[in-house]
Protein backbone atom coordinates (compact mmCIF):
# COMPACT_ATOMS: atom_id res chain seq x y z
CA MET A 1 12.07 2.75 -9.85
CA ASP A 2 13.12 1.92 -13.40
CA PHE A 3 10.09 1.64 -15.67
CA TRP A 4 12.05 1.26 -18.91
CA THR A 5 11.24 -1.91 -20.82
CA ARG A 6 12.84 -3.25 -23.94
CA PRO A 7 10.91 -2.75 -27.18
CA GLY A 8 9.05 -5.83 -28.31
CA LEU A 9 9.77 -7.98 -31.34
CA LEU A 10 7.04 -6.27 -33.36
CA ALA A 11 8.66 -2.86 -32.80
CA LEU A 12 12.01 -4.28 -33.92
CA VAL A 13 10.50 -5.77 -37.08
CA LEU A 14 8.74 -2.50 -37.98
CA ASN A 15 11.97 -0.56 -37.52
CA LEU A 16 13.86 -3.03 -39.71
CA LEU A 17 11.26 -2.77 -42.46
CA GLY A 18 11.39 1.03 -42.28
CA CYS A 19 15.19 1.02 -42.49
CA VAL A 20 15.13 -1.27 -45.52
CA ALA A 21 12.49 0.83 -47.29
CA VAL A 22 14.27 4.14 -46.71
CA GLY A 23 17.71 2.72 -47.53
CA TRP A 24 16.46 1.13 -50.75
CA SER A 25 14.75 4.38 -51.77
CA LEU A 26 17.92 6.35 -51.12
CA LEU A 27 19.96 4.03 -53.33
CA ARG A 28 17.42 4.06 -56.16
CA THR A 29 16.85 7.82 -56.24
CA HIS A 30 20.48 8.86 -55.90
CA THR A 31 21.78 10.56 -59.01
CA ALA A 32 25.12 11.83 -60.24
CA ASP A 33 23.94 15.38 -59.53
CA ARG A 34 24.17 14.71 -55.82
CA PRO A 35 27.52 14.47 -54.06
CA VAL A 36 28.48 11.02 -52.86
CA TRP A 37 28.85 12.29 -49.31
CA VAL A 38 25.10 13.03 -49.23
CA LEU A 39 24.32 9.38 -49.89
CA VAL A 40 26.93 8.26 -47.36
CA VAL A 41 25.56 10.53 -44.62
CA ALA A 42 21.99 9.53 -45.42
CA LEU A 43 22.83 5.83 -45.28
CA ALA A 44 24.76 6.47 -42.05
CA SER A 45 21.60 7.93 -40.51
CA VAL A 46 19.63 4.86 -41.63
CA ALA A 47 22.35 2.56 -40.25
CA ALA A 48 22.29 4.43 -36.93
CA TRP A 49 18.50 4.06 -36.86
CA LEU A 50 18.78 0.33 -37.55
CA LEU A 51 21.52 -0.25 -35.00
CA ARG A 52 19.63 1.80 -32.40
CA ALA A 53 16.55 -0.41 -32.84
CA VAL A 54 18.61 -3.59 -32.47
CA LEU A 55 20.49 -2.36 -29.39
CA ALA A 56 17.28 -1.09 -27.78
CA PHE A 57 15.74 -4.53 -28.31
CA ALA A 58 18.86 -6.07 -26.75
CA GLY A 59 18.57 -3.78 -23.73
CA SER A 60 21.50 -1.41 -24.35
CA ARG A 61 20.08 2.03 -23.53
CA ARG A 62 23.26 4.11 -23.46
CA ALA A 63 24.36 3.10 -26.96
CA SER A 64 20.83 3.58 -28.31
CA LEU A 65 20.86 7.18 -27.03
CA ALA A 66 24.07 8.03 -28.88
CA LEU A 67 22.84 6.36 -32.07
CA SER A 68 19.52 8.24 -31.89
CA ILE A 69 21.37 11.55 -31.77
CA VAL A 70 23.58 10.49 -34.68
CA ALA A 71 20.58 9.45 -36.77
CA ALA A 72 18.73 12.70 -36.00
CA VAL A 73 21.71 14.94 -36.84
CA ALA A 74 22.83 13.09 -39.97
CA GLY A 75 19.32 12.65 -41.34
CA SER A 76 18.39 16.29 -40.80
CA VAL A 77 21.51 17.67 -42.51
CA VAL A 78 20.94 15.74 -45.76
CA ALA A 79 17.14 15.68 -45.71
CA PRO A 80 16.78 18.50 -48.30
CA ALA A 81 19.40 16.89 -50.58
CA THR A 82 17.56 13.52 -50.53
CA ASP A 83 14.11 14.98 -51.32
CA GLY A 84 13.07 14.45 -47.70
CA LEU A 85 13.88 10.72 -47.47
CA ALA A 86 16.55 11.20 -44.82
CA ILE A 87 14.09 13.04 -42.59
CA VAL A 88 12.51 9.68 -41.70
CA PRO A 89 15.36 8.36 -39.47
CA ALA A 90 15.70 11.84 -37.97
CA ALA A 91 11.99 12.02 -37.10
CA VAL A 92 11.93 8.48 -35.69
CA SER A 93 14.91 9.29 -33.48
CA VAL A 94 13.31 12.50 -32.21
CA LEU A 95 10.13 10.58 -31.38
CA TYR A 96 12.13 7.92 -29.54
CA LEU A 97 14.09 10.41 -27.46
CA ILE A 98 11.08 12.49 -26.40
CA ALA A 99 8.93 9.43 -25.63
CA ASP A 100 11.55 7.94 -23.28
CA THR A 101 10.24 8.79 -19.80
CA ASP A 102 13.53 7.87 -18.13
CA ARG A 103 15.30 10.74 -19.90
CA PRO A 104 14.54 14.46 -19.49
CA VAL A 105 12.10 15.75 -22.06
CA GLN A 106 14.44 18.72 -22.54
CA LEU A 107 16.96 16.37 -24.17
CA GLY A 108 14.49 15.26 -26.80
CA GLY A 109 13.30 18.83 -27.27
CA ALA A 110 16.85 20.07 -27.82
CA VAL A 111 17.50 17.34 -30.40
CA ALA A 112 14.23 18.19 -32.16
CA ALA A 113 15.07 21.91 -32.28
CA GLY A 114 18.59 21.17 -33.49
CA SER A 115 17.27 18.80 -36.16
CA ALA A 116 14.84 21.43 -37.46
CA ALA A 117 17.65 23.99 -37.62
CA LEU A 118 19.95 21.53 -39.43
CA VAL A 119 17.25 20.94 -42.06
CA ALA A 120 17.32 24.66 -42.88
CA VAL A 121 21.13 24.71 -42.89
CA GLY A 122 21.33 21.64 -45.11
CA ALA A 123 18.95 23.19 -47.66
CA VAL A 124 21.20 26.21 -48.37
CA PRO A 125 23.87 24.49 -50.57
CA PHE A 126 21.25 22.80 -52.73
CA GLY A 127 18.75 25.62 -53.12
CA SER A 128 15.84 23.46 -51.99
CA PRO A 129 12.36 24.98 -52.32
CA VAL A 130 11.08 26.72 -49.24
CA ALA A 131 7.91 24.62 -49.21
CA ALA A 132 9.93 21.40 -49.22
CA VAL A 133 12.15 22.62 -46.39
CA LEU A 134 9.15 23.68 -44.33
CA GLY A 135 7.55 20.30 -44.94
CA GLU A 136 10.66 18.50 -43.70
CA MET A 137 10.83 20.73 -40.65
CA ALA A 138 7.16 20.04 -40.06
CA GLY A 139 8.00 16.33 -40.05
CA ILE A 140 10.37 16.92 -37.14
CA VAL A 141 7.73 18.95 -35.30
CA LEU A 142 5.09 16.24 -35.83
CA ALA A 143 7.52 13.62 -34.56
CA ALA A 144 8.13 15.74 -31.45
CA PHE A 145 4.39 15.99 -30.76
CA ALA A 146 3.97 12.26 -31.34
CA GLY A 147 6.79 11.65 -28.85
CA LEU A 148 5.12 13.90 -26.29
CA SER A 149 1.85 12.03 -26.71
CA ARG A 150 3.57 8.70 -26.28
CA ARG A 151 5.48 10.01 -23.29
CA GLN A 152 2.25 11.14 -21.63
CA PHE A 153 0.71 7.72 -22.25
CA ARG A 154 3.70 5.98 -20.69
CA THR A 155 3.70 8.39 -17.73
CA THR A 156 0.04 7.61 -17.11
CA GLU A 157 0.80 3.89 -17.22
CA GLN A 158 3.68 4.31 -14.78
CA GLN A 159 1.52 6.28 -12.37
CA ALA A 160 -1.14 3.57 -12.56
CA VAL A 161 1.51 0.95 -11.73
CA LEU A 162 2.73 3.02 -8.78
CA LEU A 163 -0.81 3.45 -7.50
CA ARG A 164 -1.47 -0.30 -7.75
CA GLU A 165 1.77 -1.09 -5.93
CA ARG A 166 1.04 1.50 -3.25
CA ASP A 167 -2.46 0.15 -2.80
CA LEU A 168 -1.06 -3.37 -2.48
CA GLU A 169 1.50 -2.19 0.09
CA MET A 170 -1.24 -0.45 2.07
CA ARG A 171 -3.40 -3.59 2.00
CA GLU A 172 -0.48 -5.72 3.14
CA GLU A 173 0.32 -3.24 5.92
CA ALA A 174 -3.33 -3.21 7.01
CA ALA A 175 -3.31 -7.02 7.05
CA ARG A 176 -0.15 -7.07 9.19
CA VAL A 177 -1.68 -4.56 11.61
CA ALA A 178 -4.88 -6.61 11.83
CA ILE A 179 -2.88 -9.78 12.54
CA ALA A 180 -0.85 -8.03 15.23
CA ARG A 181 -4.03 -6.60 16.77
CA ASP A 182 -5.77 -9.99 16.91
CA LEU A 183 -2.70 -11.72 18.32
CA HIS A 184 -2.41 -9.04 20.96
CA ASP A 185 -6.04 -9.56 21.95
CA VAL A 186 -5.54 -13.31 22.29
CA LEU A 187 -2.28 -13.03 24.22
CA ALA A 188 -3.34 -10.20 26.52
CA HIS A 189 -6.65 -11.75 27.48
CA SER A 190 -6.11 -15.52 27.47
CA LEU A 191 -2.43 -15.85 28.28
CA GLY A 192 -2.52 -12.95 30.70
CA GLY A 193 -5.35 -14.67 32.54
CA LEU A 194 -3.43 -17.92 32.52
CA VAL A 195 -0.48 -16.22 34.21
CA ILE A 196 -2.74 -14.95 36.98
CA GLN A 197 -4.36 -18.35 37.50
CA LEU A 198 -1.08 -20.26 37.51
CA ASP A 199 0.38 -17.82 40.02
CA ALA A 200 -2.68 -18.38 42.18
CA VAL A 201 -2.29 -22.17 41.86
CA ASP A 202 1.33 -21.91 42.91
CA ALA A 203 0.41 -19.81 45.96
CA LEU A 204 -2.44 -22.13 46.93
CA LEU A 205 -0.29 -25.25 46.62
CA GLU A 206 2.33 -23.67 48.84
CA ALA A 207 -0.45 -22.99 51.36
CA GLY A 208 -1.60 -26.61 51.12
CA ASP A 209 -5.04 -25.79 49.71
CA ALA A 210 -5.22 -28.41 46.97
CA THR A 211 -8.98 -28.04 46.46
CA ALA A 212 -8.80 -24.33 45.71
CA ALA A 213 -5.74 -24.93 43.54
CA ARG A 214 -7.68 -27.51 41.52
CA ASP A 215 -10.49 -24.98 41.00
CA ARG A 216 -7.95 -22.50 39.67
CA VAL A 217 -6.57 -25.14 37.31
CA VAL A 218 -10.07 -25.73 35.94
CA VAL A 219 -10.46 -22.00 35.31
CA ALA A 220 -7.03 -21.88 33.67
CA ARG A 221 -8.01 -24.76 31.41
CA GLY A 222 -11.11 -22.85 30.33
CA LEU A 223 -8.98 -19.79 29.54
CA ALA A 224 -6.60 -21.92 27.50
CA ALA A 225 -9.52 -23.41 25.56
CA ASP A 226 -10.96 -19.95 24.90
CA GLY A 227 -7.56 -18.67 23.77
CA LEU A 228 -7.16 -21.62 21.43
CA ALA A 229 -10.59 -20.98 19.94
CA GLU A 230 -9.73 -17.30 19.38
CA ALA A 231 -6.40 -18.25 17.81
CA ARG A 232 -8.20 -20.63 15.46
CA ARG A 233 -10.62 -17.88 14.47
CA ALA A 234 -7.67 -15.57 13.74
CA VAL A 235 -6.02 -18.25 11.58
CA ALA A 236 -9.31 -18.86 9.77
CA ALA A 237 -9.55 -15.13 9.06
CA LEU A 238 -6.03 -15.17 7.59
CA ARG A 239 -6.85 -18.15 5.37
CA ASP A 240 -10.13 -16.63 4.16
CA PRO A 241 -10.04 -12.80 4.38
CA ASP A 242 -13.37 -12.48 2.56
CA LEU A 243 -15.07 -14.52 5.25
CA SER A 244 -13.52 -12.45 8.02
CA THR A 245 -14.68 -9.17 6.46
CA ALA A 246 -18.22 -10.36 5.81
CA GLU A 247 -20.60 -8.02 7.63
CA GLY A 248 -23.49 -9.54 9.54
CA THR A 249 -25.91 -8.25 12.17
CA VAL A 250 -25.60 -8.69 15.94
CA THR A 251 -28.65 -8.20 18.11
CA PRO A 252 -28.48 -6.18 21.34
CA ALA A 253 -29.10 -9.37 23.34
CA GLU A 254 -26.17 -11.14 21.68
CA LEU A 255 -23.89 -8.19 22.33
CA ARG A 256 -24.99 -7.95 25.96
CA ALA A 257 -24.37 -11.68 26.44
CA ALA A 258 -20.86 -11.40 24.99
CA LEU A 259 -20.03 -8.41 27.23
CA ASP A 260 -21.46 -10.18 30.28
CA ASP A 261 -19.25 -13.19 29.53
CA LEU A 262 -16.18 -10.94 29.54
CA VAL A 263 -17.21 -9.40 32.87
CA ALA A 264 -17.83 -12.88 34.31
CA ALA A 265 -14.41 -14.02 33.14
CA HIS A 266 -12.84 -10.98 34.79
CA ARG A 267 -14.54 -11.86 38.05
CA THR A 268 -13.35 -15.45 37.75
CA LEU A 269 -9.80 -14.11 37.54
CA GLY A 270 -10.25 -12.34 40.85
CA GLY A 271 -11.40 -8.98 39.58
CA THR A 272 -14.45 -6.86 40.40
CA ALA A 273 -16.49 -5.35 37.60
CA ASP A 274 -19.98 -4.02 36.91
CA LEU A 275 -21.56 -3.41 33.50
CA ARG A 276 -24.47 -0.99 33.07
CA VAL A 277 -26.50 -0.53 29.90
CA VAL A 278 -28.42 2.70 29.31
CA GLY A 279 -30.39 3.98 26.36
CA GLU A 280 -32.31 2.18 23.66
CA PRO A 281 -30.25 -0.72 22.21
CA GLN A 282 -30.31 -1.46 18.51
CA PRO A 283 -28.75 -4.06 16.18
CA LEU A 284 -25.09 -3.57 15.24
CA GLY A 285 -22.88 -4.69 12.42
CA ALA A 286 -20.61 -7.63 13.21
CA GLY A 287 -17.54 -5.39 12.98
CA GLN A 288 -19.01 -2.86 15.42
CA ALA A 289 -19.97 -5.56 17.91
CA THR A 290 -16.53 -7.16 17.70
CA ALA A 291 -14.85 -3.79 18.24
CA LEU A 292 -16.91 -3.15 21.38
CA GLN A 293 -16.17 -6.63 22.73
CA ARG A 294 -12.45 -6.24 22.07
CA ALA A 295 -12.46 -2.82 23.72
CA LEU A 296 -14.02 -4.17 26.92
CA GLN A 297 -11.72 -7.19 26.83
CA GLU A 298 -8.63 -5.01 26.54
CA ALA A 299 -9.83 -2.61 29.24
CA LEU A 300 -10.44 -5.49 31.66
CA SER A 301 -7.03 -7.01 30.83
CA ASN A 302 -5.39 -3.66 31.56
CA ALA A 303 -7.26 -3.44 34.87
CA ARG A 304 -5.95 -6.86 35.91
CA LYS A 305 -2.41 -5.84 35.01
CA HIS A 306 -2.27 -2.32 36.39
CA ALA A 307 -4.91 -2.27 39.14
CA PRO A 308 -5.49 -5.86 40.24
CA GLY A 309 -8.49 -6.29 42.50
CA ALA A 310 -9.71 -2.72 41.99
CA PRO A 311 -13.36 -2.27 40.98
CA VAL A 312 -13.99 -1.68 37.27
CA ASP A 313 -16.97 0.39 36.18
CA ALA A 314 -18.20 -0.26 32.63
CA GLU A 315 -21.12 1.40 30.89
CA LEU A 316 -22.67 0.82 27.47
CA ASP A 317 -24.54 3.98 26.51
CA TRP A 318 -26.85 3.84 23.48
CA GLN A 319 -27.32 7.32 22.06
CA THR A 320 -28.78 8.78 18.90
CA GLY A 321 -26.38 7.96 16.08
CA ARG A 322 -23.73 6.34 18.26
CA VAL A 323 -22.99 3.89 21.05
CA LEU A 324 -20.41 4.59 23.77
CA LEU A 325 -18.53 2.04 25.85
CA THR A 326 -16.88 3.63 28.88
CA VAL A 327 -14.58 1.65 31.18
CA SER A 328 -13.11 3.32 34.28
CA THR A 329 -10.58 2.00 36.80
CA PRO A 330 -8.62 3.61 39.65
CA LEU A 331 -5.18 4.84 38.68
CA VAL A 332 -3.56 3.41 41.80
CA ALA A 333 -4.95 0.54 43.76
CA SER A 334 -3.59 -1.98 46.20
CA PRO A 335 -4.49 -5.61 45.62
CA ALA A 336 -7.64 -6.53 47.47
CA ALA A 337 -7.74 -9.33 50.01
CA GLY A 338 -7.79 -12.75 48.44
CA VAL A 339 -6.57 -11.47 45.07
CA PRO A 340 -3.86 -13.72 43.62
CA PRO A 341 -0.46 -12.09 43.36
CA ARG A 342 0.45 -10.61 40.01
CA ALA A 343 3.26 -12.28 38.08
CA ASP A 344 6.45 -10.35 37.52
CA GLY A 345 6.35 -8.62 34.18
CA LEU A 346 2.58 -8.99 33.71
CA ALA A 347 2.00 -5.28 34.04
CA THR A 348 4.32 -4.62 31.12
CA SER A 349 3.06 -7.41 28.89
CA GLY A 350 1.35 -6.53 25.63
CA GLY A 351 3.93 -3.97 24.53
CA GLY A 352 1.60 -1.03 25.10
CA HIS A 353 -0.28 -1.68 21.85
CA GLY A 354 -3.70 -2.28 23.39
CA LEU A 355 -5.04 1.27 23.06
CA GLU A 356 -3.37 1.64 19.69
CA GLY A 357 -5.11 -1.51 18.48
CA MET A 358 -8.44 -0.24 19.83
CA ARG A 359 -8.10 3.04 17.93
CA GLU A 360 -7.19 1.23 14.72
CA ARG A 361 -10.11 -1.16 15.04
CA PHE A 362 -12.70 1.59 15.62
CA ALA A 363 -11.22 3.86 12.95
CA ALA A 364 -11.56 1.02 10.43
CA LEU A 365 -15.29 0.54 11.08
CA PRO A 366 -17.49 1.20 8.01
CA LEU A 367 -19.31 4.09 9.73
CA GLY A 368 -16.29 5.21 11.71
CA GLY A 369 -15.47 5.39 15.37
CA ALA A 370 -12.95 6.66 17.88
CA VAL A 371 -11.25 5.73 21.15
CA THR A 372 -10.05 8.15 23.82
CA ALA A 373 -8.18 7.55 27.08
CA THR A 374 -8.07 10.07 29.92
CA SER A 375 -6.65 10.25 33.45
CA ARG A 376 -8.73 12.44 35.72
CA ASP A 377 -9.68 12.57 39.40
CA GLY A 378 -7.61 9.49 40.22
CA ARG A 379 -9.24 7.29 37.59
CA PHE A 380 -8.20 6.02 34.19
CA THR A 381 -11.07 6.07 31.71
CA VAL A 382 -11.26 4.57 28.24
CA THR A 383 -14.16 5.63 25.98
CA ALA A 384 -14.86 3.78 22.75
CA GLU A 385 -17.39 5.27 20.33
CA ALA A 386 -18.95 3.52 17.35
CA THR A 387 -21.04 5.53 14.91
CA LEU A 388 -24.45 4.07 14.15
CA ALA A 389 -26.44 4.33 10.93
């Protein structure tokens, strides 16, 4: 990712003012005792500084790099001969090169070291005082440290931007997973039930039992209405995420009623299921209650798909610090008498994301949770655990 941004107008104006001030000072302080080439090289360093600022503002990075090196080299060579004036474009260029996070810091460091060495070399022909030379070299060193400080500041800003973008991507991914999970719940439960009922209606009509077929149609209509209501709730959650994440309290009686409704719906669809509650119930958060309801709903849907007509044993076990929902079904079962035939493809509907969605839902609970699935002694058992306060 390219984090480089063009310098602002204020930076351009400050660079222009600095170039004008240094250039004017060079012209005014130049004397006949100094060779003309010194003035030419010094002005060339100022011109390179000026052109670098303009090109950087225009967005040309490659040309600005070359001009920075030219300004640093030319300014350093004639800095002693100009009483230190030419060290200004050299120092600014060193600062610019080191502060640029899109270029290796070694490049700026090498230019800074070379500039300091050129200051010493340039002082030899003019017999500049040692103190003056050391001061000019110190200017290069200070510019290098200022560049490092600015580079660190920019690096911190870039890391903050990356963290914000990564956090946004994670939130978007979590939202997509939540949408997929809710849609799966609606499709697997409501539409899966509709398939079973419509198959039963078809079989009953072929047998000439219009009364029983009508009863199945009524049940199918109820499933469609329930599925539509769930779909509307999912859409409402997408439109107002804050509302969907608001945590309320669900009483044990409300949870038991919701679970009993799911068991009753399973029986209406031709299944057999029993729900036992053991332990001392206690209030739950809305998210915990929803997770338990969805877990039972998914387990019952799986039973209808993979073991139609087989008895389902469900148990809600209230323990100290946690509540366990265990749902067990036979691994292999033949359809019981009177059970409507299963539609082709129903056993493979859902894409195999039911257990995955369960695990994600429980893992996202504020106090945590987990879901396990085991096959043992001819039975398939799903255990969902929600941690209590």
